[in-house]
Every structure is written in structure tokens, then in C-alpha cells.
Amino acid sequence: MVARTTRVGQRFAIGERVCKRYRLGDTRTVPPRRGVVKEVVEEEKKMKNRAPFKAYSYRILWDGSRSLSLHAQQALRSLENND
């Protein structure tokens, strides 16, 4: 039996506060990274033997930084919703 997952659309809006989601290793030694979404990058990905799908990335301005960095949607979580 194959588990089906539903596609998630755009999770974050411009100006929303987010933090970096750490999945591997000991997160207690890594200080939390917080920032603001400045730009949404929408890209249509095509893979062999699959239907094309939209992938969302975000340009984040981290607190204490002056340059933007690009991160995938699944690497971020919202600070306002605490999910």
C-alpha cells in the first residue's frame, strides 16, 4: 500500500517571521536562527515519471545579517503560528 501525501502550497507570506528548522544532531548547541521572509521564489519542477509540481523557496533576511539567503520551504517554520 502506497501512502499518498497532499501537496502543500505556499506556507509563508512576505514579511512573516520564521525560524530555521534543525532536524539532525543536537539542537541545544545551535542558537535558534530567526528572520523575516523578503521574497517568495516559486519554481515548477519536473521529474521523470511524475507530474510537474510547484516548489516554494524563500529569501530570508536573518536577524543580525545584511544579506538574503535562499531556503526551501521544508527547512523553515513559522514563529507566529508555533507549528
PDB file of N, CA and C in Angstrom:
ATOM      1  N   MET A   1       0.835  -1.180   0.000  1.00  0.00           N
ATOM      2  CA  MET A   1       0.000   0.000   0.000  1.00  0.00           C
ATOM      3  C   MET A   1       0.881   1.245   0.000  1.00  0.00           C
ATOM      4  N   VAL A   2       0.600   2.155  -0.876  1.00  0.00           N
ATOM      5  CA  VAL A   2       1.382   3.376  -1.016  1.00  0.00           C
ATOM      6  C   VAL A   2       0.670   4.514  -0.291  1.00  0.00           C
ATOM      7  N   ALA A   3       1.414   5.174   0.581  1.00  0.00           N
ATOM      8  CA  ALA A   3       0.846   6.320   1.308  1.00  0.00           C
ATOM      9  C   ALA A   3       0.867   7.532   0.387  1.00  0.00           C
ATOM     10  N   ARG A   4      -0.241   8.194   0.263  1.00  0.00           N
ATOM     11  CA  ARG A   4      -0.322   9.383  -0.575  1.00  0.00           C
ATOM     12  C   ARG A   4      -0.252  10.624   0.310  1.00  0.00           C
ATOM     13  N   THR A   5       0.519  11.561  -0.126  1.00  0.00           N
ATOM     14  CA  THR A   5       0.622  12.824   0.600  1.00  0.00           C
ATOM     15  C   THR A   5       0.020  13.924  -0.256  1.00  0.00           C
ATOM     16  N   THR A   6      -0.544  14.899   0.391  1.00  0.00           N
ATOM     17  CA  THR A   6      -1.103  16.027  -0.347  1.00  0.00           C
ATOM     18  C   THR A   6      -0.050  17.105  -0.460  1.00  0.00           C
ATOM     19  N   ARG A   7      -0.047  17.778  -1.560  1.00  0.00           N
ATOM     20  CA  ARG A   7       0.898  18.861  -1.786  1.00  0.00           C
ATOM     21  C   ARG A   7       0.509  20.066  -0.948  1.00  0.00           C
ATOM     22  N   VAL A   8       1.509  20.700  -0.385  1.00  0.00           N
ATOM     23  CA  VAL A   8       1.291  21.899   0.411  1.00  0.00           C
ATOM     24  C   VAL A   8       1.619  23.088  -0.475  1.00  0.00           C
ATOM     25  N   GLY A   9       0.771  24.078  -0.463  1.00  0.00           N
ATOM     26  CA  GLY A   9       1.029  25.289  -1.244  1.00  0.00           C
ATOM     27  C   GLY A   9       2.007  26.189  -0.531  1.00  0.00           C
ATOM     28  N   GLN A  10       1.961  27.435  -0.831  1.00  0.00           N
ATOM     29  CA  GLN A  10       2.850  28.408  -0.215  1.00  0.00           C
ATOM     30  C   GLN A  10       2.484  28.558   1.258  1.00  0.00           C
ATOM     31  N   ARG A  11       3.456  28.330   2.142  1.00  0.00           N
ATOM     32  CA  ARG A  11       3.192  28.369   3.581  1.00  0.00           C
ATOM     33  C   ARG A  11       3.390  29.750   4.195  1.00  0.00           C
ATOM     34  N   PHE A  12       4.355  30.497   3.686  1.00  0.00           N
ATOM     35  CA  PHE A  12       4.736  31.754   4.322  1.00  0.00           C
ATOM     36  C   PHE A  12       4.492  32.928   3.393  1.00  0.00           C
ATOM     37  N   ALA A  13       4.143  34.063   3.984  1.00  0.00           N
ATOM     38  CA  ALA A  13       3.916  35.286   3.219  1.00  0.00           C
ATOM     39  C   ALA A  13       5.094  36.238   3.428  1.00  0.00           C
ATOM     40  N   ILE A  14       5.223  37.197   2.545  1.00  0.00           N
ATOM     41  CA  ILE A  14       6.282  38.197   2.675  1.00  0.00           C
ATOM     42  C   ILE A  14       6.046  38.995   3.953  1.00  0.00           C
ATOM     43  N   GLY A  15       7.102  39.171   4.717  1.00  0.00           N
ATOM     44  CA  GLY A  15       7.020  39.904   5.980  1.00  0.00           C
ATOM     45  C   GLY A  15       6.771  39.017   7.188  1.00  0.00           C
ATOM     46  N   GLU A  16       6.533  37.736   6.988  1.00  0.00           N
ATOM     47  CA  GLU A  16       6.267  36.814   8.098  1.00  0.00           C
ATOM     48  C   GLU A  16       7.570  36.412   8.775  1.00  0.00           C
ATOM     49  N   ARG A  17       7.531  36.278  10.101  1.00  0.00           N
ATOM     50  CA  ARG A  17       8.693  35.852  10.886  1.00  0.00           C
ATOM     51  C   ARG A  17       8.800  34.333  10.848  1.00  0.00           C
ATOM     52  N   VAL A  18      10.004  33.836  10.569  1.00  0.00           N
ATOM     53  CA  VAL A  18      10.253  32.399  10.502  1.00  0.00           C
ATOM     54  C   VAL A  18      11.533  32.079  11.251  1.00  0.00           C
ATOM     55  N   CYS A  19      11.721  30.799  11.534  1.00  0.00           N
ATOM     56  CA  CYS A  19      12.990  30.355  12.102  1.00  0.00           C
ATOM     57  C   CYS A  19      13.432  29.102  11.363  1.00  0.00           C
ATOM     58  N   LYS A  20      14.725  28.842  11.416  1.00  0.00           N
ATOM     59  CA  LYS A  20      15.314  27.693  10.746  1.00  0.00           C
ATOM     60  C   LYS A  20      14.983  26.435  11.527  1.00  0.00           C
ATOM     61  N   ARG A  21      14.558  25.406  10.818  1.00  0.00           N
ATOM     62  CA  ARG A  21      14.217  24.132  11.434  1.00  0.00           C
ATOM     63  C   ARG A  21      15.443  23.235  11.378  1.00  0.00           C
ATOM     64  N   TYR A  22      15.915  22.807  12.541  1.00  0.00           N
ATOM     65  CA  TYR A  22      17.058  21.899  12.614  1.00  0.00           C
ATOM     66  C   TYR A  22      16.530  20.490  12.850  1.00  0.00           C
ATOM     67  N   ARG A  23      16.926  19.561  12.007  1.00  0.00           N
ATOM     68  CA  ARG A  23      16.396  18.208  12.104  1.00  0.00           C
ATOM     69  C   ARG A  23      17.422  17.194  12.603  1.00  0.00           C
ATOM     70  N   LEU A  24      18.656  17.384  12.290  1.00  0.00           N
ATOM     71  CA  LEU A  24      19.671  16.391  12.632  1.00  0.00           C
ATOM     72  C   LEU A  24      20.609  16.912  13.711  1.00  0.00           C
ATOM     73  N   GLY A  25      21.070  16.021  14.541  1.00  0.00           N
ATOM     74  CA  GLY A  25      22.060  16.393  15.535  1.00  0.00           C
ATOM     75  C   GLY A  25      21.450  17.021  16.779  1.00  0.00           C
ATOM     76  N   ASP A  26      22.312  17.496  17.630  1.00  0.00           N
ATOM     77  CA  ASP A  26      21.903  18.103  18.885  1.00  0.00           C
ATOM     78  C   ASP A  26      21.585  19.581  18.657  1.00  0.00           C
ATOM     79  N   THR A  27      20.326  19.943  18.790  1.00  0.00           N
ATOM     80  CA  THR A  27      19.917  21.318  18.514  1.00  0.00           C
ATOM     81  C   THR A  27      20.153  22.250  19.699  1.00  0.00           C
ATOM     82  N   ARG A  28      20.495  21.715  20.849  1.00  0.00           N
ATOM     83  CA  ARG A  28      20.699  22.567  22.022  1.00  0.00           C
ATOM     84  C   ARG A  28      21.958  23.413  21.896  1.00  0.00           C
ATOM     85  N   THR A  29      22.938  22.963  21.106  1.00  0.00           N
ATOM     86  CA  THR A  29      24.185  23.703  20.969  1.00  0.00           C
ATOM     87  C   THR A  29      24.112  24.747  19.858  1.00  0.00           C
ATOM     88  N   VAL A  30      23.078  24.682  19.023  1.00  0.00           N
ATOM     89  CA  VAL A  30      22.934  25.623  17.908  1.00  0.00           C
ATOM     90  C   VAL A  30      21.930  26.701  18.312  1.00  0.00           C
ATOM     91  N   PRO A  31      22.357  27.978  18.304  1.00  0.00           N
ATOM     92  CA  PRO A  31      21.396  29.019  18.658  1.00  0.00           C
ATOM     93  C   PRO A  31      20.299  29.116  17.593  1.00  0.00           C
ATOM     94  N   PRO A  32      19.069  29.379  17.990  1.00  0.00           N
ATOM     95  CA  PRO A  32      17.980  29.468  17.007  1.00  0.00           C
ATOM     96  C   PRO A  32      18.205  30.639  16.059  1.00  0.00           C
ATOM     97  N   ARG A  33      17.899  30.405  14.798  1.00  0.00           N
ATOM     98  CA  ARG A  33      18.077  31.423  13.761  1.00  0.00           C
ATOM     99  C   ARG A  33      16.714  31.937  13.355  1.00  0.00           C
ATOM    100  N   ARG A  34      16.502  33.238  13.533  1.00  0.00           N
ATOM    101  CA  ARG A  34      15.203  33.840  13.230  1.00  0.00           C
ATOM    102  C   ARG A  34      15.379  34.934  12.193  1.00  0.00           C
ATOM    103  N   GLY A  35      14.328  35.113  11.369  1.00  0.00           N
ATOM    104  CA  GLY A  35      14.416  36.135  10.345  1.00  0.00           C
ATOM    105  C   GLY A  35      13.054  36.463   9.747  1.00  0.00           C
ATOM    106  N   VAL A  36      13.065  37.244   8.677  1.00  0.00           N
ATOM    107  CA  VAL A  36      11.853  37.721   8.016  1.00  0.00           C
ATOM    108  C   VAL A  36      11.899  37.301   6.546  1.00  0.00           C
ATOM    109  N   VAL A  37      10.754  36.832   6.033  1.00  0.00           N
ATOM    110  CA  VAL A  37      10.647  36.462   4.622  1.00  0.00           C
ATOM    111  C   VAL A  37      10.623  37.748   3.797  1.00  0.00           C
ATOM    112  N   LYS A  38      11.531  37.860   2.828  1.00  0.00           N
ATOM    113  CA  LYS A  38      11.610  39.045   1.983  1.00  0.00           C
ATOM    114  C   LYS A  38      11.133  38.774   0.557  1.00  0.00           C
ATOM    115  N   GLU A  39      11.232  37.510   0.099  1.00  0.00           N
ATOM    116  CA  GLU A  39      10.844  37.184  -1.277  1.00  0.00           C
ATOM    117  C   GLU A  39      10.429  35.721  -1.347  1.00  0.00           C
ATOM    118  N   VAL A  40       9.424  35.447  -2.164  1.00  0.00           N
ATOM    119  CA  VAL A  40       8.963  34.085  -2.406  1.00  0.00           C
ATOM    120  C   VAL A  40       9.409  33.678  -3.801  1.00  0.00           C
ATOM    121  N   VAL A  41      10.065  32.521  -3.910  1.00  0.00           N
ATOM    122  CA  VAL A  41      10.532  32.009  -5.195  1.00  0.00           C
ATOM    123  C   VAL A  41       9.707  30.758  -5.511  1.00  0.00           C
ATOM    124  N   GLU A  42       8.915  30.841  -6.577  1.00  0.00           N
ATOM    125  CA  GLU A  42       8.075  29.720  -6.989  1.00  0.00           C
ATOM    126  C   GLU A  42       8.698  29.095  -8.227  1.00  0.00           C
ATOM    127  N   GLU A  43       8.892  27.780  -8.197  1.00  0.00           N
ATOM    128  CA  GLU A  43       9.559  27.088  -9.285  1.00  0.00           C
ATOM    129  C   GLU A  43       8.768  25.830  -9.638  1.00  0.00           C
ATOM    130  N   GLU A  44       8.611  25.562 -10.907  1.00  0.00           N
ATOM    131  CA  GLU A  44       7.936  24.334 -11.315  1.00  0.00           C
ATOM    132  C   GLU A  44       8.994  23.284 -11.599  1.00  0.00           C
ATOM    133  N   LYS A  45       8.925  22.189 -10.862  1.00  0.00           N
ATOM    134  CA  LYS A  45       9.908  21.120 -11.013  1.00  0.00           C
ATOM    135  C   LYS A  45       9.313  19.990 -11.832  1.00  0.00           C
ATOM    136  N   LYS A  46      10.147  19.431 -12.673  1.00  0.00           N
ATOM    137  CA  LYS A  46       9.739  18.295 -13.495  1.00  0.00           C
ATOM    138  C   LYS A  46      10.682  17.142 -13.201  1.00  0.00           C
ATOM    139  N   MET A  47      10.096  15.988 -12.892  1.00  0.00           N
ATOM    140  CA  MET A  47      10.888  14.800 -12.614  1.00  0.00           C
ATOM    141  C   MET A  47      10.421  13.679 -13.528  1.00  0.00           C
ATOM    142  N   LYS A  48      11.304  12.777 -13.788  1.00  0.00           N
ATOM    143  CA  LYS A  48      10.985  11.655 -14.658  1.00  0.00           C
ATOM    144  C   LYS A  48       9.875  10.806 -14.042  1.00  0.00           C
ATOM    145  N   ASN A  49       8.899  10.442 -14.862  1.00  0.00           N
ATOM    146  CA  ASN A  49       7.773   9.581 -14.461  1.00  0.00           C
ATOM    147  C   ASN A  49       6.887  10.187 -13.381  1.00  0.00           C
ATOM    148  N   ARG A  50       6.849  11.513 -13.284  1.00  0.00           N
ATOM    149  CA  ARG A  50       5.971  12.194 -12.331  1.00  0.00           C
ATOM    150  C   ARG A  50       5.374  13.427 -12.977  1.00  0.00           C
ATOM    151  N   ALA A  51       4.257  13.832 -12.457  1.00  0.00           N
ATOM    152  CA  ALA A  51       3.642  15.069 -12.935  1.00  0.00           C
ATOM    153  C   ALA A  51       4.445  16.262 -12.405  1.00  0.00           C
ATOM    154  N   PRO A  52       4.536  17.340 -13.168  1.00  0.00           N
ATOM    155  CA  PRO A  52       5.240  18.532 -12.673  1.00  0.00           C
ATOM    156  C   PRO A  52       4.556  19.098 -11.422  1.00  0.00           C
ATOM    157  N   PHE A  53       5.332  19.700 -10.554  1.00  0.00           N
ATOM    158  CA  PHE A  53       4.783  20.281  -9.333  1.00  0.00           C
ATOM    159  C   PHE A  53       5.509  21.570  -8.998  1.00  0.00           C
ATOM    160  N   LYS A  54       4.869  22.403  -8.194  1.00  0.00           N
ATOM    161  CA  LYS A  54       5.454  23.672  -7.773  1.00  0.00           C
ATOM    162  C   LYS A  54       6.225  23.471  -6.476  1.00  0.00           C
ATOM    163  N   ALA A  55       7.401  24.050  -6.429  1.00  0.00           N
ATOM    164  CA  ALA A  55       8.223  24.031  -5.221  1.00  0.00           C
ATOM    165  C   ALA A  55       8.451  25.476  -4.794  1.00  0.00           C
ATOM    166  N   TYR A  56       8.345  25.727  -3.511  1.00  0.00           N
ATOM    167  CA  TYR A  56       8.498  27.083  -2.987  1.00  0.00           C
ATOM    168  C   TYR A  56       9.787  27.209  -2.187  1.00  0.00           C
ATOM    169  N   SER A  57      10.511  28.264  -2.455  1.00  0.00           N
ATOM    170  CA  SER A  57      11.699  28.635  -1.689  1.00  0.00           C
ATOM    171  C   SER A  57      11.505  30.083  -1.248  1.00  0.00           C
ATOM    172  N   TYR A  58      12.260  30.482  -0.259  1.00  0.00           N
ATOM    173  CA  TYR A  58      12.103  31.816   0.308  1.00  0.00           C
ATOM    174  C   TYR A  58      13.465  32.460   0.507  1.00  0.00           C
ATOM    175  N   ARG A  59      13.534  33.746   0.220  1.00  0.00           N
ATOM    176  CA  ARG A  59      14.730  34.522   0.539  1.00  0.00           C
ATOM    177  C   ARG A  59      14.486  35.147   1.911  1.00  0.00           C
ATOM    178  N   ILE A  60      15.375  34.826   2.832  1.00  0.00           N
ATOM    179  CA  ILE A  60      15.218  35.208   4.239  1.00  0.00           C
ATOM    180  C   ILE A  60      16.294  36.217   4.622  1.00  0.00           C
ATOM    181  N   LEU A  61      15.890  37.258   5.330  1.00  0.00           N
ATOM    182  CA  LEU A  61      16.828  38.193   5.942  1.00  0.00           C
ATOM    183  C   LEU A  61      16.898  37.831   7.418  1.00  0.00           C
ATOM    184  N   TRP A  62      18.004  37.178   7.798  1.00  0.00           N
ATOM    185  CA  TRP A  62      18.161  36.736   9.182  1.00  0.00           C
ATOM    186  C   TRP A  62      18.476  37.921  10.091  1.00  0.00           C
ATOM    187  N   ASP A  63      18.044  37.824  11.338  1.00  0.00           N
ATOM    188  CA  ASP A  63      18.360  38.859  12.326  1.00  0.00           C
ATOM    189  C   ASP A  63      19.881  38.942  12.474  1.00  0.00           C
ATOM    190  N   GLY A  64      20.416  40.141  12.426  1.00  0.00           N
ATOM    191  CA  GLY A  64      21.849  40.332  12.566  1.00  0.00           C
ATOM    192  C   GLY A  64      22.623  40.135  11.269  1.00  0.00           C
ATOM    193  N   SER A  65      21.933  39.964  10.146  1.00  0.00           N
ATOM    194  CA  SER A  65      22.586  39.782   8.856  1.00  0.00           C
ATOM    195  C   SER A  65      22.110  40.869   7.896  1.00  0.00           C
ATOM    196  N   ARG A  66      22.928  41.174   6.891  1.00  0.00           N
ATOM    197  CA  ARG A  66      22.541  42.194   5.924  1.00  0.00           C
ATOM    198  C   ARG A  66      22.243  41.615   4.546  1.00  0.00           C
ATOM    199  N   SER A  67      22.527  40.327   4.334  1.00  0.00           N
ATOM    200  CA  SER A  67      22.292  39.738   3.025  1.00  0.00           C
ATOM    201  C   SER A  67      21.195  38.673   3.118  1.00  0.00           C
ATOM    202  N   LEU A  68      20.535  38.457   1.988  1.00  0.00           N
ATOM    203  CA  LEU A  68      19.459  37.475   1.919  1.00  0.00           C
ATOM    204  C   LEU A  68      20.035  36.089   1.639  1.00  0.00           C
ATOM    205  N   SER A  69      19.372  35.051   2.151  1.00  0.00           N
ATOM    206  CA  SER A  69      19.763  33.685   1.848  1.00  0.00           C
ATOM    207  C   SER A  69      18.522  32.909   1.419  1.00  0.00           C
ATOM    208  N   LEU A  70      18.715  31.958   0.509  1.00  0.00           N
ATOM    209  CA  LEU A  70      17.629  31.182  -0.066  1.00  0.00           C
ATOM    210  C   LEU A  70      17.476  29.872   0.688  1.00  0.00           C
ATOM    211  N   HIS A  71      16.219  29.549   1.104  1.00  0.00           N
ATOM    212  CA  HIS A  71      15.954  28.324   1.845  1.00  0.00           C
ATOM    213  C   HIS A  71      14.687  27.669   1.328  1.00  0.00           C
ATOM    214  N   ALA A  72      14.675  26.342   1.336  1.00  0.00           N
ATOM    215  CA  ALA A  72      13.499  25.577   0.923  1.00  0.00           C
ATOM    216  C   ALA A  72      12.413  25.712   1.987  1.00  0.00           C
ATOM    217  N   GLN A  73      11.170  25.542   1.553  1.00  0.00           N
ATOM    218  CA  GLN A  73      10.023  25.700   2.451  1.00  0.00           C
ATOM    219  C   GLN A  73      10.083  24.736   3.632  1.00  0.00           C
ATOM    220  N   GLN A  74      10.509  23.493   3.381  1.00  0.00           N
ATOM    221  CA  GLN A  74      10.506  22.496   4.457  1.00  0.00           C
ATOM    222  C   GLN A  74      11.595  22.736   5.498  1.00  0.00           C
ATOM    223  N   ALA A  75      12.522  23.658   5.226  1.00  0.00           N
ATOM    224  CA  ALA A  75      13.588  23.949   6.184  1.00  0.00           C
ATOM    225  C   ALA A  75      13.205  25.065   7.150  1.00  0.00           C
ATOM    226  N   LEU A  76      11.997  25.624   6.996  1.00  0.00           N
ATOM    227  CA  LEU A  76      11.573  26.756   7.819  1.00  0.00           C
ATOM    228  C   LEU A  76      10.297  26.433   8.577  1.00  0.00           C
ATOM    229  N   ARG A  77      10.092  27.153   9.667  1.00  0.00           N
ATOM    230  CA  ARG A  77       8.811  27.064  10.375  1.00  0.00           C
ATOM    231  C   ARG A  77       8.428  28.455  10.853  1.00  0.00           C
ATOM    232  N   SER A  78       7.135  28.659  11.011  1.00  0.00           N
ATOM    233  CA  SER A  78       6.606  29.962  11.373  1.00  0.00           C
ATOM    234  C   SER A  78       6.796  30.224  12.869  1.00  0.00           C
ATOM    235  N   LEU A  79       7.125  31.450  13.212  1.00  0.00           N
ATOM    236  CA  LEU A  79       7.204  31.838  14.603  1.00  0.00           C
ATOM    237  C   LEU A  79       5.860  32.324  15.128  1.00  0.00           C
ATOM    238  N   GLU A  80       5.000  32.794  14.217  1.00  0.00           N
ATOM    239  CA  GLU A  80       3.715  33.346  14.651  1.00  0.00           C
ATOM    240  C   GLU A  80       2.689  32.268  14.979  1.00  0.00           C
ATOM    241  N   ASN A  81       2.730  31.152  14.266  1.00  0.00           N
ATOM    242  CA  ASN A  81       1.753  30.086  14.496  1.00  0.00           C
ATOM    243  C   ASN A  81       2.236  29.030  15.466  1.00  0.00           C
ATOM    244  N   ASN A  82       3.555  28.979  15.721  1.00  0.00           N
ATOM    245  CA  ASN A  82       4.162  27.982  16.602  1.00  0.00           C
ATOM    246  C   ASN A  82       3.796  26.562  16.201  1.00  0.00           C
ATOM    247  N   ASP A  83       3.839  26.271  14.900  1.00  0.00           N
ATOM    248  CA  ASP A  83       3.554  24.884  14.477  1.00  0.00           C
ATOM    249  C   ASP A  83       4.782  24.069  14.272  1.00  0.00           C
TER     250      ASP A  83
END
